Amino acid sequence: ESAAPLGLRIIHMVLAFSAIAILLAVVFARALLRPIN
């Protein structure tokens, strides 16, 4: 029962880190295109 609040907090953290991951992915992909070419 006590694990439920932690589960909600983990979901919020996952969503926040996912948004950060998407932003960093776009920036990193742009920086990587030149050597990839």
Full PDB file with SEQRES, HELIX, SHEET, SSBOND, CRYST1, ORIGX, SCALE, CONECT and MASTER records, all heavy atoms in Angstrom:
SEQRES   1 A   37  GLU SER ALA ALA PRO LEU GLY LEU ARG ILE ILE HIS MET          
SEQRES   2 A   37  VAL LEU ALA PHE SER ALA ILE ALA ILE LEU LEU ALA VAL          
SEQRES   3 A   37  VAL PHE ALA ARG ALA LEU LEU ARG PRO ILE ASN                  
HELIX    1 AA1 ALA A    3  ILE A   36  1                                  34    
CRYST1    1.000    1.000    1.000  90.00  90.00  90.00 P 1           1          
ORIGX1      1.000000  0.000000  0.000000        0.00000                         
ORIGX2      0.000000  1.000000  0.000000        0.00000                         
ORIGX3      0.000000  0.000000  1.000000        0.00000                         
SCALE1      1.000000  0.000000  0.000000        0.00000                         
SCALE2      0.000000  1.000000  0.000000        0.00000                         
SCALE3      0.000000  0.000000  1.000000        0.00000                         
ATOM      1  N   GLU A   1       0.826  -1.217   0.000  1.00  0.00           N  
ATOM      2  CA  GLU A   1       0.000   0.000   0.000  1.00  0.00           C  
ATOM      3  C   GLU A   1       0.854   1.259   0.000  1.00  0.00           C  
ATOM      4  O   GLU A   1       0.551   2.243  -0.668  1.00  0.00           O  
ATOM      5  CB  GLU A   1      -0.921  -0.021   1.218  1.00  0.00           C  
ATOM      6  CG  GLU A   1      -1.907   1.134   1.260  1.00  0.00           C  
ATOM      7  CD  GLU A   1      -2.835   1.035   2.453  1.00  0.00           C  
ATOM      8  OE1 GLU A   1      -2.690   0.075   3.247  1.00  0.00           O  
ATOM      9  OE2 GLU A   1      -3.712   1.906   2.594  1.00  0.00           O  
ATOM     10  N   SER A   2       1.958   1.228   0.750  1.00  0.00           N  
ATOM     11  CA  SER A   2       2.814   2.413   0.818  1.00  0.00           C  
ATOM     12  C   SER A   2       3.603   2.650  -0.465  1.00  0.00           C  
ATOM     13  O   SER A   2       4.228   3.700  -0.627  1.00  0.00           O  
ATOM     14  CB  SER A   2       3.784   2.280   1.999  1.00  0.00           C  
ATOM     15  OG  SER A   2       4.583   1.117   1.859  1.00  0.00           O  
ATOM     16  N   ALA A   3       3.624   1.659  -1.376  1.00  0.00           N  
ATOM     17  CA  ALA A   3       4.360   1.831  -2.628  1.00  0.00           C  
ATOM     18  C   ALA A   3       3.576   2.654  -3.650  1.00  0.00           C  
ATOM     19  O   ALA A   3       4.163   3.132  -4.626  1.00  0.00           O  
ATOM     20  CB  ALA A   3       4.701   0.470  -3.222  1.00  0.00           C  
ATOM     21  N   ALA A   4       2.266   2.803  -3.467  1.00  0.00           N  
ATOM     22  CA  ALA A   4       1.450   3.532  -4.451  1.00  0.00           C  
ATOM     23  C   ALA A   4       1.864   5.000  -4.584  1.00  0.00           C  
ATOM     24  O   ALA A   4       2.042   5.493  -5.709  1.00  0.00           O  
ATOM     25  CB  ALA A   4      -0.021   3.407  -4.089  1.00  0.00           C  
ATOM     26  N   PRO A   5       2.046   5.756  -3.474  1.00  0.00           N  
ATOM     27  CA  PRO A   5       2.488   7.153  -3.643  1.00  0.00           C  
ATOM     28  C   PRO A   5       3.837   7.254  -4.343  1.00  0.00           C  
ATOM     29  O   PRO A   5       4.045   8.151  -5.166  1.00  0.00           O  
ATOM     30  CB  PRO A   5       2.562   7.670  -2.195  1.00  0.00           C  
ATOM     31  CG  PRO A   5       1.658   6.780  -1.417  1.00  0.00           C  
ATOM     32  CD  PRO A   5       1.769   5.441  -2.067  1.00  0.00           C  
ATOM     33  N   LEU A   6       4.746   6.344  -4.024  1.00  0.00           N  
ATOM     34  CA  LEU A   6       6.035   6.366  -4.700  1.00  0.00           C  
ATOM     35  C   LEU A   6       5.865   6.099  -6.190  1.00  0.00           C  
ATOM     36  O   LEU A   6       6.546   6.710  -7.021  1.00  0.00           O  
ATOM     37  CB  LEU A   6       6.961   5.319  -4.080  1.00  0.00           C  
ATOM     38  CG  LEU A   6       8.336   5.173  -4.740  1.00  0.00           C  
ATOM     39  CD1 LEU A   6       9.119   6.477  -4.630  1.00  0.00           C  
ATOM     40  CD2 LEU A   6       9.113   4.023  -4.117  1.00  0.00           C  
ATOM     41  N   GLY A   7       4.946   5.203  -6.548  1.00  0.00           N  
ATOM     42  CA  GLY A   7       4.699   4.929  -7.957  1.00  0.00           C  
ATOM     43  C   GLY A   7       4.229   6.170  -8.705  1.00  0.00           C  
ATOM     44  O   GLY A   7       4.660   6.425  -9.836  1.00  0.00           O  
ATOM     45  N   LEU A   8       3.356   6.961  -8.081  1.00  0.00           N  
ATOM     46  CA  LEU A   8       2.893   8.202  -8.723  1.00  0.00           C  
ATOM     47  C   LEU A   8       4.039   9.188  -8.904  1.00  0.00           C  
ATOM     48  O   LEU A   8       4.172   9.824  -9.961  1.00  0.00           O  
ATOM     49  CB  LEU A   8       1.780   8.827  -7.878  1.00  0.00           C  
ATOM     50  CG  LEU A   8       0.455   8.053  -7.844  1.00  0.00           C  
ATOM     51  CD1 LEU A   8      -0.533   8.734  -6.900  1.00  0.00           C  
ATOM     52  CD2 LEU A   8      -0.141   7.946  -9.240  1.00  0.00           C  
ATOM     53  N   ARG A   9       4.877   9.307  -7.889  1.00  0.00           N  
ATOM     54  CA  ARG A   9       6.015  10.227  -8.010  1.00  0.00           C  
ATOM     55  C   ARG A   9       6.974   9.763  -9.101  1.00  0.00           C  
ATOM     56  O   ARG A   9       7.535  10.576  -9.842  1.00  0.00           O  
ATOM     57  CB  ARG A   9       6.736  10.330  -6.662  1.00  0.00           C  
ATOM     58  CG  ARG A   9       5.959  11.099  -5.615  1.00  0.00           C  
ATOM     59  CD  ARG A   9       6.841  11.482  -4.434  1.00  0.00           C  
ATOM     60  NE  ARG A   9       7.227  10.311  -3.671  1.00  0.00           N  
ATOM     61  CZ  ARG A   9       6.539   9.811  -2.646  1.00  0.00           C  
ATOM     62  NH1 ARG A   9       5.398  10.414  -2.278  1.00  0.00           N  
ATOM     63  NH2 ARG A   9       6.953   8.772  -1.989  1.00  0.00           N  
ATOM     64  N   ILE A  10       7.159   8.448  -9.196  1.00  0.00           N  
ATOM     65  CA  ILE A  10       8.044   7.927 -10.242  1.00  0.00           C  
ATOM     66  C   ILE A  10       7.474   8.227 -11.623  1.00  0.00           C  
ATOM     67  O   ILE A  10       8.210   8.574 -12.555  1.00  0.00           O  
ATOM     68  CB  ILE A  10       8.252   6.416 -10.037  1.00  0.00           C  
ATOM     69  CG1 ILE A  10       9.129   6.173  -8.814  1.00  0.00           C  
ATOM     70  CG2 ILE A  10       8.886   5.779 -11.267  1.00  0.00           C  
ATOM     71  CD1 ILE A  10       9.315   4.715  -8.472  1.00  0.00           C  
ATOM     72  N   ILE A  11       6.151   8.098 -11.794  1.00  0.00           N  
ATOM     73  CA  ILE A  11       5.523   8.413 -13.087  1.00  0.00           C  
ATOM     74  C   ILE A  11       5.762   9.869 -13.459  1.00  0.00           C  
ATOM     75  O   ILE A  11       6.099  10.201 -14.615  1.00  0.00           O  
ATOM     76  CB  ILE A  11       4.023   8.094 -13.026  1.00  0.00           C  
ATOM     77  CG1 ILE A  11       3.811   6.573 -12.931  1.00  0.00           C  
ATOM     78  CG2 ILE A  11       3.299   8.649 -14.255  1.00  0.00           C  
ATOM     79  CD1 ILE A  11       2.374   6.179 -12.750  1.00  0.00           C  
ATOM     80  N   HIS A  12       5.607  10.782 -12.500  1.00  0.00           N  
ATOM     81  CA  HIS A  12       5.851  12.202 -12.775  1.00  0.00           C  
ATOM     82  C   HIS A  12       7.302  12.441 -13.174  1.00  0.00           C  
ATOM     83  O   HIS A  12       7.592  13.205 -14.107  1.00  0.00           O  
ATOM     84  CB  HIS A  12       5.494  13.037 -11.534  1.00  0.00           C  
ATOM     85  CG  HIS A  12       4.043  12.986 -11.188  1.00  0.00           C  
ATOM     86  ND1 HIS A  12       3.544  13.228  -9.929  1.00  0.00           N  
ATOM     87  CD2 HIS A  12       2.955  12.694 -11.955  1.00  0.00           C  
ATOM     88  CE1 HIS A  12       2.228  13.103  -9.926  1.00  0.00           C  
ATOM     89  NE2 HIS A  12       1.844  12.784 -11.147  1.00  0.00           N  
ATOM     90  N   MET A  13       8.218  11.760 -12.474  1.00  0.00           N  
ATOM     91  CA  MET A  13       9.631  11.935 -12.803  1.00  0.00           C  
ATOM     92  C   MET A  13       9.942  11.377 -14.189  1.00  0.00           C  
ATOM     93  O   MET A  13      10.714  11.972 -14.956  1.00  0.00           O  
ATOM     94  CB  MET A  13      10.494  11.231 -11.749  1.00  0.00           C  
ATOM     95  CG  MET A  13      10.448  11.875 -10.371  1.00  0.00           C  
ATOM     96  SD  MET A  13      11.383  10.936  -9.139  1.00  0.00           S  
ATOM     97  CE  MET A  13      13.010  10.999  -9.853  1.00  0.00           C  
ATOM     98  N   VAL A  14       9.357  10.237 -14.536  1.00  0.00           N  
ATOM     99  CA  VAL A  14       9.591   9.650 -15.855  1.00  0.00           C  
ATOM    100  C   VAL A  14       9.090  10.581 -16.950  1.00  0.00           C  
ATOM    101  O   VAL A  14       9.762  10.770 -17.982  1.00  0.00           O  
ATOM    102  CB  VAL A  14       8.921   8.266 -15.940  1.00  0.00           C  
ATOM    103  CG1 VAL A  14       8.898   7.752 -17.377  1.00  0.00           C  
ATOM    104  CG2 VAL A  14       9.633   7.270 -15.047  1.00  0.00           C  
ATOM    105  N   LEU A  15       7.923  11.165 -16.757  1.00  0.00           N  
ATOM    106  CA  LEU A  15       7.392  12.099 -17.758  1.00  0.00           C  
ATOM    107  C   LEU A  15       8.309  13.305 -17.914  1.00  0.00           C  
ATOM    108  O   LEU A  15       8.585  13.768 -19.043  1.00  0.00           O  
ATOM    109  CB  LEU A  15       5.984  12.538 -17.356  1.00  0.00           C  
ATOM    110  CG  LEU A  15       4.897  11.444 -17.412  1.00  0.00           C  
ATOM    111  CD1 LEU A  15       3.567  11.987 -16.909  1.00  0.00           C  
ATOM    112  CD2 LEU A  15       4.753  10.904 -18.823  1.00  0.00           C  
ATOM    113  N   ALA A  16       8.793  13.842 -16.789  1.00  0.00           N  
ATOM    114  CA  ALA A  16       9.673  15.012 -16.864  1.00  0.00           C  
ATOM    115  C   ALA A  16      10.980  14.654 -17.573  1.00  0.00           C  
ATOM    116  O   ALA A  16      11.442  15.380 -18.465  1.00  0.00           O  
ATOM    117  CB  ALA A  16       9.954  15.535 -15.451  1.00  0.00           C  
ATOM    118  N   PHE A  17      11.584  13.553 -17.208  1.00  0.00           N  
ATOM    119  CA  PHE A  17      12.839  13.159 -17.849  1.00  0.00           C  
ATOM    120  C   PHE A  17      12.628  12.790 -19.312  1.00  0.00           C  
ATOM    121  O   PHE A  17      13.524  12.981 -20.145  1.00  0.00           O  
ATOM    122  CB  PHE A  17      13.456  11.980 -17.097  1.00  0.00           C  
ATOM    123  CG  PHE A  17      14.224  12.398 -15.882  1.00  0.00           C  
ATOM    124  CD1 PHE A  17      13.766  12.068 -14.621  1.00  0.00           C  
ATOM    125  CD2 PHE A  17      15.403  13.124 -15.990  1.00  0.00           C  
ATOM    126  CE1 PHE A  17      14.464  12.451 -13.486  1.00  0.00           C  
ATOM    127  CE2 PHE A  17      16.114  13.500 -14.863  1.00  0.00           C  
ATOM    128  CZ  PHE A  17      15.637  13.171 -13.603  1.00  0.00           C  
ATOM    129  N   SER A  18      11.453  12.286 -19.653  1.00  0.00           N  
ATOM    130  CA  SER A  18      11.172  11.973 -21.057  1.00  0.00           C  
ATOM    131  C   SER A  18      11.132  13.239 -21.893  1.00  0.00           C  
ATOM    132  O   SER A  18      11.652  13.272 -23.025  1.00  0.00           O  
ATOM    133  CB  SER A  18       9.853  11.215 -21.166  1.00  0.00           C  
ATOM    134  OG  SER A  18       9.928   9.968 -20.484  1.00  0.00           O  
ATOM    135  N   ALA A  19      10.507  14.294 -21.349  1.00  0.00           N  
ATOM    136  CA  ALA A  19      10.479  15.569 -22.074  1.00  0.00           C  
ATOM    137  C   ALA A  19      11.892  16.111 -22.267  1.00  0.00           C  
ATOM    138  O   ALA A  19      12.249  16.614 -23.347  1.00  0.00           O  
ATOM    139  CB  ALA A  19       9.610  16.574 -21.314  1.00  0.00           C  
ATOM    140  N   ILE A  20      12.716  16.017 -21.221  1.00  0.00           N  
ATOM    141  CA  ILE A  20      14.105  16.476 -21.330  1.00  0.00           C  
ATOM    142  C   ILE A  20      14.856  15.632 -22.352  1.00  0.00           C  
ATOM    143  O   ILE A  20      15.670  16.155 -23.146  1.00  0.00           O  
ATOM    144  CB  ILE A  20      14.781  16.413 -19.947  1.00  0.00           C  
ATOM    145  CG1 ILE A  20      14.109  17.395 -18.985  1.00  0.00           C  
ATOM    146  CG2 ILE A  20      16.266  16.709 -20.066  1.00  0.00           C  
ATOM    147  CD1 ILE A  20      14.623  17.305 -17.560  1.00  0.00           C  
ATOM    148  N   ALA A  21      14.591  14.313 -22.364  1.00  0.00           N  
ATOM    149  CA  ALA A  21      15.264  13.430 -23.307  1.00  0.00           C  
ATOM    150  C   ALA A  21      14.923  13.781 -24.743  1.00  0.00           C  
ATOM    151  O   ALA A  21      15.784  13.752 -25.632  1.00  0.00           O  
ATOM    152  CB  ALA A  21      14.893  11.975 -23.007  1.00  0.00           C  
ATOM    153  N   ILE A  22      13.649  14.119 -24.997  1.00  0.00           N  
ATOM    154  CA  ILE A  22      13.251  14.506 -26.365  1.00  0.00           C  
ATOM    155  C   ILE A  22      13.982  15.765 -26.803  1.00  0.00           C  
ATOM    156  O   ILE A  22      14.495  15.857 -27.935  1.00  0.00           O  
ATOM    157  CB  ILE A  22      11.728  14.691 -26.421  1.00  0.00           C  
ATOM    158  CG1 ILE A  22      11.027  13.338 -26.194  1.00  0.00           C  
ATOM    159  CG2 ILE A  22      11.304  15.289 -27.758  1.00  0.00           C  
ATOM    160  CD1 ILE A  22       9.524  13.455 -26.070  1.00  0.00           C  
ATOM    161  N   LEU A  23      14.059  16.759 -25.907  1.00  0.00           N  
ATOM    162  CA  LEU A  23      14.743  18.008 -26.240  1.00  0.00           C  
ATOM    163  C   LEU A  23      16.225  17.760 -26.515  1.00  0.00           C  
ATOM    164  O   LEU A  23      16.782  18.237 -27.521  1.00  0.00           O  
ATOM    165  CB  LEU A  23      14.564  19.009 -25.103  1.00  0.00           C  
ATOM    166  CG  LEU A  23      15.249  20.375 -25.281  1.00  0.00           C  
ATOM    167  CD1 LEU A  23      14.706  21.093 -26.514  1.00  0.00           C  
ATOM    168  CD2 LEU A  23      15.076  21.230 -24.032  1.00  0.00           C  
ATOM    169  N   LEU A  24      16.864  16.999 -25.640  1.00  0.00           N  
ATOM    170  CA  LEU A  24      18.281  16.721 -25.836  1.00  0.00           C  
ATOM    171  C   LEU A  24      18.520  15.887 -27.096  1.00  0.00           C  
ATOM    172  O   LEU A  24      19.551  16.039 -27.769  1.00  0.00           O  
ATOM    173  CB  LEU A  24      18.833  15.978 -24.613  1.00  0.00           C  
ATOM    174  CG  LEU A  24      18.930  16.790 -23.319  1.00  0.00           C  
ATOM    175  CD1 LEU A  24      19.419  15.912 -22.186  1.00  0.00           C  
ATOM    176  CD2 LEU A  24      19.844  18.003 -23.507  1.00  0.00           C  
ATOM    177  N   ALA A  25      17.584  14.988 -27.438  1.00  0.00           N  
ATOM    178  CA  ALA A  25      17.731  14.160 -28.630  1.00  0.00           C  
ATOM    179  C   ALA A  25      17.758  15.011 -29.889  1.00  0.00           C  
ATOM    180  O   ALA A  25      18.564  14.775 -30.797  1.00  0.00           O  
ATOM    181  CB  ALA A  25      16.600  13.136 -28.695  1.00  0.00           C  
ATOM    182  N   VAL A  26      16.888  16.009 -29.957  1.00  0.00           N  
ATOM    183  CA  VAL A  26      16.861  16.881 -31.137  1.00  0.00           C  
ATOM    184  C   VAL A  26      18.163  17.661 -31.255  1.00  0.00           C  
ATOM    185  O   VAL A  26      18.783  17.748 -32.333  1.00  0.00           O  
ATOM    186  CB  VAL A  26      15.648  17.823 -31.058  1.00  0.00           C  
ATOM    187  CG1 VAL A  26      15.695  18.844 -32.198  1.00  0.00           C  
ATOM    188  CG2 VAL A  26      14.354  17.031 -31.105  1.00  0.00           C  
ATOM    189  N   VAL A  27      18.625  18.224 -30.130  1.00  0.00           N  
ATOM    190  CA  VAL A  27      19.865  19.007 -30.152  1.00  0.00           C  
ATOM    191  C   VAL A  27      21.057  18.124 -30.526  1.00  0.00           C  
ATOM    192  O   VAL A  27      21.894  18.497 -31.363  1.00  0.00           O  
ATOM    193  CB  VAL A  27      20.081  19.672 -28.781  1.00  0.00           C  
ATOM    194  CG1 VAL A  27      21.442  20.382 -28.736  1.00  0.00           C  
ATOM    195  CG2 VAL A  27      18.951  20.657 -28.498  1.00  0.00           C  
ATOM    196  N   PHE A  28      21.124  16.949 -29.925  1.00  0.00           N  
ATOM    197  CA  PHE A  28      22.251  16.058 -30.177  1.00  0.00           C  
ATOM    198  C   PHE A  28      22.233  15.546 -31.616  1.00  0.00           C  
ATOM    199  O   PHE A  28      23.281  15.400 -32.251  1.00  0.00           O  
ATOM    200  CB  PHE A  28      22.192  14.879 -29.192  1.00  0.00           C  
ATOM    201  CG  PHE A  28      23.358  13.956 -29.304  1.00  0.00           C  
ATOM    202  CD1 PHE A  28      24.610  14.319 -28.838  1.00  0.00           C  
ATOM    203  CD2 PHE A  28      23.218  12.719 -29.908  1.00  0.00           C  
ATOM    204  CE1 PHE A  28      25.694  13.469 -28.942  1.00  0.00           C  
ATOM    205  CE2 PHE A  28      24.298  11.852 -30.021  1.00  0.00           C  
ATOM    206  CZ  PHE A  28      25.541  12.236 -29.542  1.00  0.00           C  
ATOM    207  N   ALA A  29      21.053  15.270 -32.169  1.00  0.00           N  
ATOM    208  CA  ALA A  29      20.961  14.790 -33.544  1.00  0.00           C  
ATOM    209  C   ALA A  29      21.465  15.835 -34.528  1.00  0.00           C  
ATOM    210  O   ALA A  29      22.170  15.518 -35.500  1.00  0.00           O  
ATOM    211  CB  ALA A  29      19.524  14.397 -33.861  1.00  0.00           C  
ATOM    212  N   ARG A  30      21.129  17.107 -34.275  1.00  0.00           N  
ATOM    213  CA  ARG A  30      21.600  18.172 -35.152  1.00  0.00           C  
ATOM    214  C   ARG A  30      23.125  18.282 -35.091  1.00  0.00           C  
ATOM    215  O   ARG A  30      23.792  18.459 -36.113  1.00  0.00           O  
ATOM    216  CB  ARG A  30      20.965  19.504 -34.759  1.00  0.00           C  
ATOM    217  CG  ARG A  30      19.490  19.608 -35.124  1.00  0.00           C  
ATOM    218  CD  ARG A  30      18.938  20.988 -34.747  1.00  0.00           C  
ATOM    219  NE  ARG A  30      17.543  21.119 -35.123  1.00  0.00           N  
ATOM    220  CZ  ARG A  30      17.124  21.491 -36.323  1.00  0.00           C  
ATOM    221  NH1 ARG A  30      18.005  21.776 -37.270  1.00  0.00           N  
ATOM    222  NH2 ARG A  30      15.835  21.604 -36.578  1.00  0.00           N  
ATOM    223  N   ALA A  31      23.673  18.177 -33.868  1.00  0.00           N  
ATOM    224  CA  ALA A  31      25.130  18.297 -33.736  1.00  0.00           C  
ATOM    225  C   ALA A  31      25.857  17.104 -34.347  1.00  0.00           C  
ATOM    226  O   ALA A  31      27.010  17.215 -34.761  1.00  0.00           O  
ATOM    227  CB  ALA A  31      25.486  18.433 -32.259  1.00  0.00           C  
ATOM    228  N   LEU A  32      25.187  15.948 -34.406  1.00  0.00           N  
ATOM    229  CA  LEU A  32      25.825  14.736 -34.898  1.00  0.00           C  
ATOM    230  C   LEU A  32      25.740  14.583 -36.411  1.00  0.00           C  
ATOM    231  O   LEU A  32      26.446  13.781 -37.001  1.00  0.00           O  
ATOM    232  CB  LEU A  32      25.172  13.523 -34.222  1.00  0.00           C  
ATOM    233  CG  LEU A  32      25.920  12.189 -34.288  1.00  0.00           C  
ATOM    234  CD1 LEU A  32      27.262  12.284 -33.574  1.00  0.00           C  
ATOM    235  CD2 LEU A  32      25.071  11.079 -33.683  1.00  0.00           C  
ATOM    236  N   LEU A  33      24.899  15.367 -37.062  1.00  0.00           N  
ATOM    237  CA  LEU A  33      24.685  15.182 -38.490  1.00  0.00           C  
ATOM    238  C   LEU A  33      25.943  15.454 -39.312  1.00  0.00           C  
ATOM    239  O   LEU A  33      26.208  14.760 -40.298  1.00  0.00           O  
ATOM    240  CB  LEU A  33      23.562  16.106 -38.973  1.00  0.00           C  
ATOM    241  CG  LEU A  33      22.139  15.554 -38.824  1.00  0.00           C  
ATOM    242  CD1 LEU A  33      21.136  16.561 -39.323  1.00  0.00           C  
ATOM    243  CD2 LEU A  33      22.002  14.251 -39.594  1.00  0.00           C  
ATOM    244  N   ARG A  34      26.709  16.447 -38.938  1.00  0.00           N  
ATOM    245  CA  ARG A  34      27.868  16.803 -39.759  1.00  0.00           C  
ATOM    246  C   ARG A  34      28.883  15.666 -39.807  1.00  0.00           C  
ATOM    247  O   ARG A  34      29.264  15.231 -40.908  1.00  0.00           O  
ATOM    248  CB  ARG A  34      28.504  18.085 -39.214  1.00  0.00           C  
ATOM    249  CG  ARG A  34      27.606  19.306 -39.326  1.00  0.00           C  
ATOM    250  CD  ARG A  34      28.328  20.589 -38.877  1.00  0.00           C  
ATOM    251  NE  ARG A  34      27.441  21.726 -38.872  1.00  0.00           N  
ATOM    252  CZ  ARG A  34      26.685  22.089 -37.846  1.00  0.00           C  
ATOM    253  NH1 ARG A  34      26.751  21.395 -36.731  1.00  0.00           N  
ATOM    254  NH2 ARG A  34      25.904  23.147 -37.936  1.00  0.00           N  
ATOM    255  N   PRO A  35      29.364  15.147 -38.668  1.00  0.00           N  
ATOM    256  CA  PRO A  35      30.311  14.016 -38.772  1.00  0.00           C  
ATOM    257  C   PRO A  35      29.671  12.758 -39.345  1.00  0.00           C  
ATOM    258  O   PRO A  35      30.351  11.957 -39.994  1.00  0.00           O  
ATOM    259  CB  PRO A  35      30.764  13.793 -37.321  1.00  0.00           C  
ATOM    260  CG  PRO A  35      29.741  14.465 -36.477  1.00  0.00           C  
ATOM    261  CD  PRO A  35      29.209  15.593 -37.274  1.00  0.00           C  
ATOM    262  N   ILE A  36      28.376  12.602 -39.169  1.00  0.00           N  
ATOM    263  CA  ILE A  36      27.713  11.419 -39.729  1.00  0.00           C  
ATOM    264  C   ILE A  36      27.744  11.474 -41.251  1.00  0.00           C  
ATOM    265  O   ILE A  36      27.903  10.444 -41.931  1.00  0.00           O  
ATOM    266  CB  ILE A  36      26.264  11.315 -39.218  1.00  0.00           C  
ATOM    267  CG1 ILE A  36      26.270  10.837 -37.764  1.00  0.00           C  
ATOM    268  CG2 ILE A  36      25.440  10.353 -40.068  1.00  0.00           C  
ATOM    269  CD1 ILE A  36      24.899  10.696 -37.165  1.00  0.00           C  
ATOM    270  N   ASN A  37      27.577  12.675 -41.817  1.00  0.00           N  
ATOM    271  CA  ASN A  37      27.630  12.837 -43.265  1.00  0.00           C  
ATOM    272  C   ASN A  37      28.993  12.392 -43.794  1.00  0.00           C  
ATOM    273  O   ASN A  37      29.089  11.691 -44.813  1.00  0.00           O  
ATOM    274  CB  ASN A  37      27.356  14.295 -43.631  1.00  0.00           C  
ATOM    275  CG  ASN A  37      27.123  14.465 -45.121  1.00  0.00           C  
ATOM    276  OD1 ASN A  37      26.720  13.524 -45.803  1.00  0.00           O  
ATOM    277  ND2 ASN A  37      27.356  15.667 -45.620  1.00  0.00           N  
TER     278      ASN A  37                                                      
MASTER        0    0    0    1    0    0    0    6  277    1    0    3          
END                                                                             
